[in-house]
Amino acid sequence: MFSTSIEDRLVAIIQEHTDLAEEYAKLPLNGGATVEEAAQITKRKSEIKNRIEELRSERQKLFEKWKVVK
């Protein structure tokens, strides 16, 4: 049971990571048409990077637990 919940969470983390990476890839490289748009894009890129880092950390911790359980 514990292993299944870890596996389910790992799958969810991987899916969220994939979704965020796809969103990041679609964002313009050089900001937006206006200063406000550029600021919003820069902010969103930062949010995505931070969340991806959180997901990587959580994934690593869960993977270590999963190895012990398996």
PDB file of N, CA and C in Angstrom:
ATOM      1  N   MET A   1       0.830  -1.201   0.000  1.00  0.00           N
ATOM      2  CA  MET A   1       0.000   0.000   0.000  1.00  0.00           C
ATOM      3  C   MET A   1       0.866   1.252   0.000  1.00  0.00           C
ATOM      4  N   PHE A   2       1.844   1.287   0.917  1.00  0.00           N
ATOM      5  CA  PHE A   2       2.734   2.444   1.012  1.00  0.00           C
ATOM      6  C   PHE A   2       3.489   2.649  -0.292  1.00  0.00           C
ATOM      7  N   SER A   3       3.939   1.549  -0.875  1.00  0.00           N
ATOM      8  CA  SER A   3       4.672   1.620  -2.138  1.00  0.00           C
ATOM      9  C   SER A   3       3.799   2.193  -3.250  1.00  0.00           C
ATOM     10  N   THR A   4       2.536   1.788  -3.278  1.00  0.00           N
ATOM     11  CA  THR A   4       1.620   2.279  -4.309  1.00  0.00           C
ATOM     12  C   THR A   4       1.403   3.780  -4.176  1.00  0.00           C
ATOM     13  N   SER A   5       1.248   4.282  -2.951  1.00  0.00           N
ATOM     14  CA  SER A   5       1.044   5.721  -2.774  1.00  0.00           C
ATOM     15  C   SER A   5       2.294   6.503  -3.185  1.00  0.00           C
ATOM     16  N   ILE A   6       3.460   5.946  -2.926  1.00  0.00           N
ATOM     17  CA  ILE A   6       4.704   6.591  -3.364  1.00  0.00           C
ATOM     18  C   ILE A   6       4.760   6.599  -4.887  1.00  0.00           C
ATOM     19  N   GLU A   7       4.444   5.474  -5.487  1.00  0.00           N
ATOM     20  CA  GLU A   7       4.465   5.386  -6.946  1.00  0.00           C
ATOM     21  C   GLU A   7       3.469   6.356  -7.566  1.00  0.00           C
ATOM     22  N   ASP A   8       2.278   6.451  -6.980  1.00  0.00           N
ATOM     23  CA  ASP A   8       1.269   7.386  -7.483  1.00  0.00           C
ATOM     24  C   ASP A   8       1.770   8.819  -7.396  1.00  0.00           C
ATOM     25  N   ARG A   9       2.393   9.165  -6.284  1.00  0.00           N
ATOM     26  CA  ARG A   9       2.915  10.533  -6.114  1.00  0.00           C
ATOM     27  C   ARG A   9       4.057  10.790  -7.095  1.00  0.00           C
ATOM     28  N   LEU A  10       4.922   9.803  -7.309  1.00  0.00           N
ATOM     29  CA  LEU A  10       6.008   9.959  -8.282  1.00  0.00           C
ATOM     30  C   LEU A  10       5.455  10.208  -9.679  1.00  0.00           C
ATOM     31  N   VAL A  11       4.414   9.482 -10.050  1.00  0.00           N
ATOM     32  CA  VAL A  11       3.788   9.683 -11.362  1.00  0.00           C
ATOM     33  C   VAL A  11       3.217  11.095 -11.461  1.00  0.00           C
ATOM     34  N   ALA A  12       2.564  11.552 -10.397  1.00  0.00           N
ATOM     35  CA  ALA A  12       1.986  12.901 -10.393  1.00  0.00           C
ATOM     36  C   ALA A  12       3.072  13.962 -10.497  1.00  0.00           C
ATOM     37  N   ILE A  13       4.178  13.756  -9.806  1.00  0.00           N
ATOM     38  CA  ILE A  13       5.291  14.706  -9.861  1.00  0.00           C
ATOM     39  C   ILE A  13       5.865  14.762 -11.275  1.00  0.00           C
ATOM     40  N   ILE A  14       6.063  13.612 -11.864  1.00  0.00           N
ATOM     41  CA  ILE A  14       6.616  13.565 -13.222  1.00  0.00           C
ATOM     42  C   ILE A  14       5.683  14.266 -14.204  1.00  0.00           C
ATOM     43  N   GLN A  15       4.372  14.062 -14.048  1.00  0.00           N
ATOM     44  CA  GLN A  15       3.406  14.701 -14.942  1.00  0.00           C
ATOM     45  C   GLN A  15       3.423  16.218 -14.762  1.00  0.00           C
ATOM     46  N   GLU A  16       3.440  16.674 -13.511  1.00  0.00           N
ATOM     47  CA  GLU A  16       3.474  18.122 -13.274  1.00  0.00           C
ATOM     48  C   GLU A  16       4.769  18.724 -13.826  1.00  0.00           C
ATOM     49  N   HIS A  17       5.872  18.031 -13.633  1.00  0.00           N
ATOM     50  CA  HIS A  17       7.161  18.497 -14.153  1.00  0.00           C
ATOM     51  C   HIS A  17       7.102  18.622 -15.669  1.00  0.00           C
ATOM     52  N   THR A  18       6.537  17.620 -16.319  1.00  0.00           N
ATOM     53  CA  THR A  18       6.414  17.636 -17.778  1.00  0.00           C
ATOM     54  C   THR A  18       5.547  18.799 -18.241  1.00  0.00           C
ATOM     55  N   ASP A  19       4.418  18.988 -17.568  1.00  0.00           N
ATOM     56  CA  ASP A  19       3.512  20.086 -17.924  1.00  0.00           C
ATOM     57  C   ASP A  19       4.201  21.443 -17.773  1.00  0.00           C
ATOM     58  N   LEU A  20       4.920  21.621 -16.673  1.00  0.00           N
ATOM     59  CA  LEU A  20       5.615  22.890 -16.447  1.00  0.00           C
ATOM     60  C   LEU A  20       6.725  23.117 -17.474  1.00  0.00           C
ATOM     61  N   ALA A  21       7.456  22.058 -17.793  1.00  0.00           N
ATOM     62  CA  ALA A  21       8.531  22.183 -18.783  1.00  0.00           C
ATOM     63  C   ALA A  21       7.961  22.573 -20.145  1.00  0.00           C
ATOM     64  N   GLU A  22       6.806  22.005 -20.494  1.00  0.00           N
ATOM     65  CA  GLU A  22       6.155  22.359 -21.760  1.00  0.00           C
ATOM     66  C   GLU A  22       5.700  23.810 -21.746  1.00  0.00           C
ATOM     67  N   GLU A  23       5.120  24.253 -20.623  1.00  0.00           N
ATOM     68  CA  GLU A  23       4.692  25.646 -20.515  1.00  0.00           C
ATOM     69  C   GLU A  23       5.888  26.587 -20.633  1.00  0.00           C
ATOM     70  N   TYR A  24       6.973  26.246 -19.952  1.00  0.00           N
ATOM     71  CA  TYR A  24       8.179  27.073 -19.983  1.00  0.00           C
ATOM     72  C   TYR A  24       8.712  27.189 -21.412  1.00  0.00           C
ATOM     73  N   ALA A  25       8.697  26.076 -22.128  1.00  0.00           N
ATOM     74  CA  ALA A  25       9.223  26.067 -23.489  1.00  0.00           C
ATOM     75  C   ALA A  25       8.392  26.946 -24.428  1.00  0.00           C
ATOM     76  N   LYS A  26       7.130  27.125 -24.116  1.00  0.00           N
ATOM     77  CA  LYS A  26       6.254  27.940 -24.962  1.00  0.00           C
ATOM     78  C   LYS A  26       6.370  29.438 -24.669  1.00  0.00           C
ATOM     79  N   LEU A  27       6.962  29.797 -23.539  1.00  0.00           N
ATOM     80  CA  LEU A  27       7.094  31.215 -23.203  1.00  0.00           C
ATOM     81  C   LEU A  27       8.118  31.877 -24.114  1.00  0.00           C
ATOM     82  N   PRO A  28       7.863  33.124 -24.495  1.00  0.00           N
ATOM     83  CA  PRO A  28       8.811  33.821 -25.371  1.00  0.00           C
ATOM     84  C   PRO A  28      10.186  33.988 -24.705  1.00  0.00           C
ATOM     85  N   LEU A  29      11.215  33.928 -25.511  1.00  0.00           N
ATOM     86  CA  LEU A  29      12.574  34.085 -24.990  1.00  0.00           C
ATOM     87  C   LEU A  29      12.874  35.512 -24.574  1.00  0.00           C
ATOM     88  N   ASN A  30      12.351  36.471 -25.318  1.00  0.00           N
ATOM     89  CA  ASN A  30      12.710  37.875 -25.109  1.00  0.00           C
ATOM     90  C   ASN A  30      11.602  38.702 -24.476  1.00  0.00           C
ATOM     91  N   GLY A  31      10.768  38.093 -23.630  1.00  0.00           N
ATOM     92  CA  GLY A  31       9.718  38.859 -22.970  1.00  0.00           C
ATOM     93  C   GLY A  31       8.532  39.084 -23.874  1.00  0.00           C
ATOM     94  N   GLY A  32       7.727  40.097 -23.513  1.00  0.00           N
ATOM     95  CA  GLY A  32       6.512  40.374 -24.259  1.00  0.00           C
ATOM     96  C   GLY A  32       6.599  41.661 -25.046  1.00  0.00           C
ATOM     97  N   ALA A  33       5.463  42.054 -25.581  1.00  0.00           N
ATOM     98  CA  ALA A  33       5.394  43.263 -26.405  1.00  0.00           C
ATOM     99  C   ALA A  33       5.513  44.529 -25.566  1.00  0.00           C
ATOM    100  N   THR A  34       5.069  44.445 -24.313  1.00  0.00           N
ATOM    101  CA  THR A  34       5.156  45.610 -23.433  1.00  0.00           C
ATOM    102  C   THR A  34       6.023  45.273 -22.233  1.00  0.00           C
ATOM    103  N   VAL A  35       6.378  46.304 -21.499  1.00  0.00           N
ATOM    104  CA  VAL A  35       7.182  46.108 -20.285  1.00  0.00           C
ATOM    105  C   VAL A  35       6.408  45.246 -19.282  1.00  0.00           C
ATOM    106  N   GLU A  36       5.098  45.489 -19.182  1.00  0.00           N
ATOM    107  CA  GLU A  36       4.271  44.710 -18.258  1.00  0.00           C
ATOM    108  C   GLU A  36       4.236  43.238 -18.642  1.00  0.00           C
ATOM    109  N   GLU A  37       4.070  42.976 -19.944  1.00  0.00           N
ATOM    110  CA  GLU A  37       4.056  41.593 -20.412  1.00  0.00           C
ATOM    111  C   GLU A  37       5.401  40.916 -20.156  1.00  0.00           C
ATOM    112  N   ALA A  38       6.460  41.638 -20.408  1.00  0.00           N
ATOM    113  CA  ALA A  38       7.801  41.087 -20.174  1.00  0.00           C
ATOM    114  C   ALA A  38       7.990  40.760 -18.697  1.00  0.00           C
ATOM    115  N   ALA A  39       7.506  41.627 -17.823  1.00  0.00           N
ATOM    116  CA  ALA A  39       7.625  41.391 -16.382  1.00  0.00           C
ATOM    117  C   ALA A  39       6.810  40.168 -15.968  1.00  0.00           C
ATOM    118  N   GLN A  40       5.608  40.036 -16.533  1.00  0.00           N
ATOM    119  CA  GLN A  40       4.761  38.875 -16.219  1.00  0.00           C
ATOM    120  C   GLN A  40       5.410  37.580 -16.687  1.00  0.00           C
ATOM    121  N   ILE A  41       6.001  37.622 -17.864  1.00  0.00           N
ATOM    122  CA  ILE A  41       6.653  36.435 -18.407  1.00  0.00           C
ATOM    123  C   ILE A  41       7.874  36.065 -17.569  1.00  0.00           C
ATOM    124  N   THR A  42       8.649  37.063 -17.196  1.00  0.00           N
ATOM    125  CA  THR A  42       9.820  36.823 -16.354  1.00  0.00           C
ATOM    126  C   THR A  42       9.407  36.235 -15.015  1.00  0.00           C
ATOM    127  N   LYS A  43       8.329  36.776 -14.440  1.00  0.00           N
ATOM    128  CA  LYS A  43       7.825  36.269 -13.163  1.00  0.00           C
ATOM    129  C   LYS A  43       7.372  34.824 -13.308  1.00  0.00           C
ATOM    130  N   ARG A  44       6.630  34.522 -14.375  1.00  0.00           N
ATOM    131  CA  ARG A  44       6.140  33.160 -14.577  1.00  0.00           C
ATOM    132  C   ARG A  44       7.286  32.185 -14.791  1.00  0.00           C
ATOM    133  N   LYS A  45       8.299  32.590 -15.536  1.00  0.00           N
ATOM    134  CA  LYS A  45       9.474  31.731 -15.730  1.00  0.00           C
ATOM    135  C   LYS A  45      10.121  31.406 -14.394  1.00  0.00           C
ATOM    136  N   SER A  46      10.234  32.399 -13.552  1.00  0.00           N
ATOM    137  CA  SER A  46      10.827  32.204 -12.231  1.00  0.00           C
ATOM    138  C   SER A  46       9.980  31.249 -11.394  1.00  0.00           C
ATOM    139  N   GLU A  47       8.661  31.427 -11.441  1.00  0.00           N
ATOM    140  CA  GLU A  47       7.762  30.538 -10.701  1.00  0.00           C
ATOM    141  C   GLU A  47       7.905  29.100 -11.187  1.00  0.00           C
ATOM    142  N   ILE A  48       7.965  28.933 -12.486  1.00  0.00           N
ATOM    143  CA  ILE A  48       8.094  27.590 -13.054  1.00  0.00           C
ATOM    144  C   ILE A  48       9.421  26.963 -12.632  1.00  0.00           C
ATOM    145  N   LYS A  49      10.503  27.708 -12.744  1.00  0.00           N
ATOM    146  CA  LYS A  49      11.818  27.180 -12.343  1.00  0.00           C
ATOM    147  C   LYS A  49      11.812  26.764 -10.879  1.00  0.00           C
ATOM    148  N   ASN A  50      11.236  27.603 -10.022  1.00  0.00           N
ATOM    149  CA  ASN A  50      11.190  27.287  -8.596  1.00  0.00           C
ATOM    150  C   ASN A  50      10.364  26.029  -8.327  1.00  0.00           C
ATOM    151  N   ARG A  51       9.219  25.920  -8.986  1.00  0.00           N
ATOM    152  CA  ARG A  51       8.372  24.748  -8.781  1.00  0.00           C
ATOM    153  C   ARG A  51       9.038  23.486  -9.306  1.00  0.00           C
ATOM    154  N   ILE A  52       9.708  23.586 -10.441  1.00  0.00           N
ATOM    155  CA  ILE A  52      10.423  22.421 -10.974  1.00  0.00           C
ATOM    156  C   ILE A  52      11.502  21.972  -9.990  1.00  0.00           C
ATOM    157  N   GLU A  53      12.194  22.909  -9.390  1.00  0.00           N
ATOM    158  CA  GLU A  53      13.217  22.556  -8.404  1.00  0.00           C
ATOM    159  C   GLU A  53      12.583  21.875  -7.182  1.00  0.00           C
ATOM    160  N   GLU A  54      11.436  22.382  -6.734  1.00  0.00           N
ATOM    161  CA  GLU A  54      10.718  21.745  -5.625  1.00  0.00           C
ATOM    162  C   GLU A  54      10.321  20.317  -5.999  1.00  0.00           C
ATOM    163  N   LEU A  55       9.829  20.147  -7.213  1.00  0.00           N
ATOM    164  CA  LEU A  55       9.423  18.818  -7.665  1.00  0.00           C
ATOM    165  C   LEU A  55      10.609  17.872  -7.750  1.00  0.00           C
ATOM    166  N   ARG A  56      11.728  18.355  -8.217  1.00  0.00           N
ATOM    167  CA  ARG A  56      12.936  17.513  -8.292  1.00  0.00           C
ATOM    168  C   ARG A  56      13.345  17.036  -6.906  1.00  0.00           C
ATOM    169  N   SER A  57      13.313  17.947  -5.949  1.00  0.00           N
ATOM    170  CA  SER A  57      13.677  17.604  -4.583  1.00  0.00           C
ATOM    171  C   SER A  57      12.707  16.575  -4.008  1.00  0.00           C
ATOM    172  N   GLU A  58      11.425  16.815  -4.172  1.00  0.00           N
ATOM    173  CA  GLU A  58      10.419  15.875  -3.666  1.00  0.00           C
ATOM    174  C   GLU A  58      10.538  14.519  -4.351  1.00  0.00           C
ATOM    175  N   ARG A  59      10.762  14.543  -5.656  1.00  0.00           N
ATOM    176  CA  ARG A  59      10.918  13.292  -6.413  1.00  0.00           C
ATOM    177  C   ARG A  59      12.100  12.484  -5.882  1.00  0.00           C
ATOM    178  N   GLN A  60      13.206  13.151  -5.620  1.00  0.00           N
ATOM    179  CA  GLN A  60      14.387  12.459  -5.115  1.00  0.00           C
ATOM    180  C   GLN A  60      14.119  11.828  -3.752  1.00  0.00           C
ATOM    181  N   LYS A  61      13.465  12.568  -2.865  1.00  0.00           N
ATOM    182  CA  LYS A  61      13.145  12.033  -1.534  1.00  0.00           C
ATOM    183  C   LYS A  61      12.203  10.840  -1.631  1.00  0.00           C
ATOM    184  N   LEU A  62      11.182  10.959  -2.474  1.00  0.00           N
ATOM    185  CA  LEU A  62      10.245   9.855  -2.641  1.00  0.00           C
ATOM    186  C   LEU A  62      10.909   8.642  -3.279  1.00  0.00           C
ATOM    187  N   PHE A  63      11.783   8.886  -4.218  1.00  0.00           N
ATOM    188  CA  PHE A  63      12.479   7.780  -4.868  1.00  0.00           C
ATOM    189  C   PHE A  63      13.328   7.017  -3.854  1.00  0.00           C
ATOM    190  N   GLU A  64      13.979   7.737  -2.953  1.00  0.00           N
ATOM    191  CA  GLU A  64      14.776   7.083  -1.911  1.00  0.00           C
ATOM    192  C   GLU A  64      13.883   6.231  -1.005  1.00  0.00           C
ATOM    193  N   LYS A  65      12.707   6.760  -0.621  1.00  0.00           N
ATOM    194  CA  LYS A  65      11.767   5.990   0.187  1.00  0.00           C
ATOM    195  C   LYS A  65      11.281   4.771  -0.588  1.00  0.00           C
ATOM    196  N   TRP A  66      10.979   4.960  -1.869  1.00  0.00           N
ATOM    197  CA  TRP A  66      10.482   3.871  -2.695  1.00  0.00           C
ATOM    198  C   TRP A  66      11.506   2.734  -2.792  1.00  0.00           C
ATOM    199  N   LYS A  67      12.786   3.085  -2.914  1.00  0.00           N
ATOM    200  CA  LYS A  67      13.822   2.058  -2.998  1.00  0.00           C
ATOM    201  C   LYS A  67      13.872   1.230  -1.710  1.00  0.00           C
ATOM    202  N   VAL A  68      13.658   1.874  -0.581  1.00  0.00           N
ATOM    203  CA  VAL A  68      13.669   1.171   0.699  1.00  0.00           C
ATOM    204  C   VAL A  68      12.467   0.231   0.810  1.00  0.00           C
ATOM    205  N   VAL A  69      11.314   0.700   0.378  1.00  0.00           N
ATOM    206  CA  VAL A  69      10.082  -0.076   0.473  1.00  0.00           C
ATOM    207  C   VAL A  69      10.116  -1.278  -0.471  1.00  0.00           C
ATOM    208  N   LYS A  70      10.639  -1.071  -1.675  1.00  0.00           N
ATOM    209  CA  LYS A  70      10.684  -2.154  -2.678  1.00  0.00           C
ATOM    210  C   LYS A  70      11.608  -3.201  -2.230  1.00  0.00           C
TER     211      LYS A  70
END
